[in-house]
Amino acid sequence: MKKKTSPKAVMVANDDIRPVYDFSGGVRGKYAKTLREKGYTIRIHYRDGTVTEKRVLGENAVSLAPDVREYFPTSQAVNRALRTLISLIPDKRKAIAKKARSTEHRSATKRQFKA
C-alpha cells in the first residue's frame, strides 16, 4: 500500500532544506498556552549594539501602577497584602470557611470508607 503524501510534504521534500532542519517531529503550539498565560519578552538587537526590550503581558499577569509598586515590589508582597484584605471581607471568609469544612468532611468520609 502506497503512503499518501500531502502537497506540503512534497513541496518540502523538493526544497533545498538541509537534513538538520527537519521539523517533521515537531509539535505545533507546544508552548502556546504557557506563553499566552505567563507572557513573554521580545528583544530586538540592533547592529550598533543597542537592545530594545518589550514585555508582552500574559492573561494571568497584573500590572501595578508605579506608586503602588513602591509598596509592593514583589509578587509575595502583593499576595500577602491581598490575602489580608480577603480575610477582612465577611462574605469571602464565610465562603472560604464553608469550602474548607466541606473539604475536611469529604476527606474524613474517604478515610472512613478506605479503612
Protein backbone atom coordinates (compact mmCIF):
# COMPACT_ATOMS: atom_id res chain seq x y z
CA MET A 1 0.00 0.00 0.00
CA LYS A 2 1.40 3.38 -1.02
CA LYS A 3 1.54 6.09 1.62
CA LYS A 4 -0.31 9.28 0.72
CA THR A 5 1.67 12.50 0.75
CA SER A 6 0.26 15.94 1.18
CA PRO A 7 1.19 18.79 -1.19
CA LYS A 8 3.13 20.42 1.67
CA ALA A 9 5.21 17.27 2.22
CA VAL A 10 6.06 17.12 -1.49
CA MET A 11 6.99 20.80 -1.54
CA VAL A 12 9.30 20.44 1.47
CA ALA A 13 10.84 17.25 0.10
CA ASN A 14 11.75 19.02 -3.17
CA ASP A 15 13.10 22.08 -1.37
CA ASP A 16 16.81 22.64 -0.67
CA ILE A 17 16.45 22.36 3.11
CA ARG A 18 19.33 20.70 4.92
CA PRO A 19 18.51 17.49 6.82
CA VAL A 20 19.47 19.14 10.13
CA TYR A 21 16.42 21.40 9.73
CA ASP A 22 13.94 18.53 9.78
CA PHE A 23 10.86 19.65 11.72
CA SER A 24 8.75 16.60 10.92
CA GLY A 25 8.74 15.54 14.59
CA GLY A 26 7.74 18.98 15.84
CA VAL A 27 4.59 19.67 17.82
CA ARG A 28 2.56 22.69 16.74
CA GLY A 29 1.65 25.08 19.56
CA LYS A 30 3.54 23.13 22.24
CA TYR A 31 4.22 26.23 24.36
CA ALA A 32 1.36 28.45 23.16
CA LYS A 33 -0.74 28.08 26.33
CA THR A 34 2.19 28.88 28.64
CA LEU A 35 3.17 31.94 26.61
CA ARG A 36 -0.43 33.17 26.46
CA GLU A 37 -0.88 32.79 30.24
CA LYS A 38 2.51 33.94 31.53
CA GLY A 39 3.57 36.35 28.81
CA TYR A 40 6.95 36.76 27.14
CA THR A 41 9.68 39.25 26.32
CA ILE A 42 10.64 40.43 22.84
CA ARG A 43 14.24 41.63 22.42
CA ILE A 44 15.41 43.44 19.29
CA HIS A 45 19.19 43.57 18.87
CA TYR A 46 20.43 46.36 16.62
CA ARG A 47 23.69 46.44 14.67
CA ASP A 48 25.01 49.31 16.80
CA GLY A 49 24.84 47.05 19.87
CA THR A 50 21.72 48.55 21.44
CA VAL A 51 18.80 46.40 22.50
CA THR A 52 15.12 47.26 22.70
CA GLU A 53 13.05 45.12 25.03
CA LYS A 54 9.27 44.85 25.21
CA ARG A 55 7.37 42.76 27.74
CA VAL A 56 4.11 41.20 26.49
CA LEU A 57 1.90 40.51 29.49
CA GLY A 58 0.08 37.23 29.71
CA GLU A 59 -3.54 36.63 30.66
CA ASN A 60 -2.56 35.88 34.28
CA ALA A 61 -0.38 38.99 34.61
CA VAL A 62 -1.37 42.05 36.58
CA SER A 63 0.36 45.38 36.06
CA LEU A 64 0.84 47.63 39.08
CA ALA A 65 1.00 51.40 38.90
CA PRO A 66 4.42 52.83 39.79
CA ASP A 67 3.20 54.37 43.07
CA VAL A 68 1.72 51.03 44.17
CA ARG A 69 4.85 49.15 43.06
CA GLU A 70 6.89 51.17 45.59
CA TYR A 71 4.97 49.49 48.43
CA PHE A 72 4.65 46.03 46.86
CA PRO A 73 7.87 45.30 44.95
CA THR A 74 7.43 41.50 44.74
CA SER A 75 4.68 39.01 43.97
CA GLN A 76 4.93 37.71 47.54
CA ALA A 77 4.27 41.21 48.94
CA VAL A 78 1.22 41.66 46.70
CA ASN A 79 -0.18 38.22 47.57
CA ARG A 80 0.34 38.77 51.31
CA ALA A 81 -1.50 42.12 51.17
CA LEU A 82 -4.36 40.70 49.10
CA ARG A 83 -4.77 37.70 51.41
CA THR A 84 -5.00 40.08 54.36
CA LEU A 85 -7.63 42.09 52.51
CA ILE A 86 -9.58 38.95 51.62
CA SER A 87 -9.65 37.88 55.26
CA LEU A 88 -11.37 41.20 56.10
CA ILE A 89 -14.29 40.60 53.72
CA PRO A 90 -17.09 38.87 55.70
CA ASP A 91 -18.76 37.08 52.77
CA LYS A 92 -15.47 35.74 51.50
CA ARG A 93 -14.47 34.50 54.96
CA LYS A 94 -17.74 32.56 55.24
CA ALA A 95 -17.37 31.07 51.77
CA ILE A 96 -13.76 30.07 52.40
CA ALA A 97 -14.60 28.57 55.80
CA LYS A 98 -17.54 26.66 54.29
CA LYS A 99 -15.35 25.34 51.48
CA ALA A 100 -12.67 24.27 53.98
CA ARG A 101 -15.26 22.45 56.12
CA SER A 102 -16.69 20.61 53.10
CA THR A 103 -13.19 19.60 52.01
CA GLU A 104 -12.40 18.32 55.51
CA HIS A 105 -15.71 16.42 55.57
CA ARG A 106 -15.01 14.77 52.21
CA SER A 107 -11.50 13.78 53.33
CA ALA A 108 -12.84 12.28 56.57
CA THR A 109 -15.53 10.37 54.64
CA LYS A 110 -12.95 8.97 52.23
CA ARG A 111 -10.78 7.82 55.16
CA GLN A 112 -13.76 6.03 56.75
CA PHE A 113 -14.54 4.09 53.58
CA LYS A 114 -10.89 3.16 52.97
CA ALA A 115 -10.50 1.60 56.42
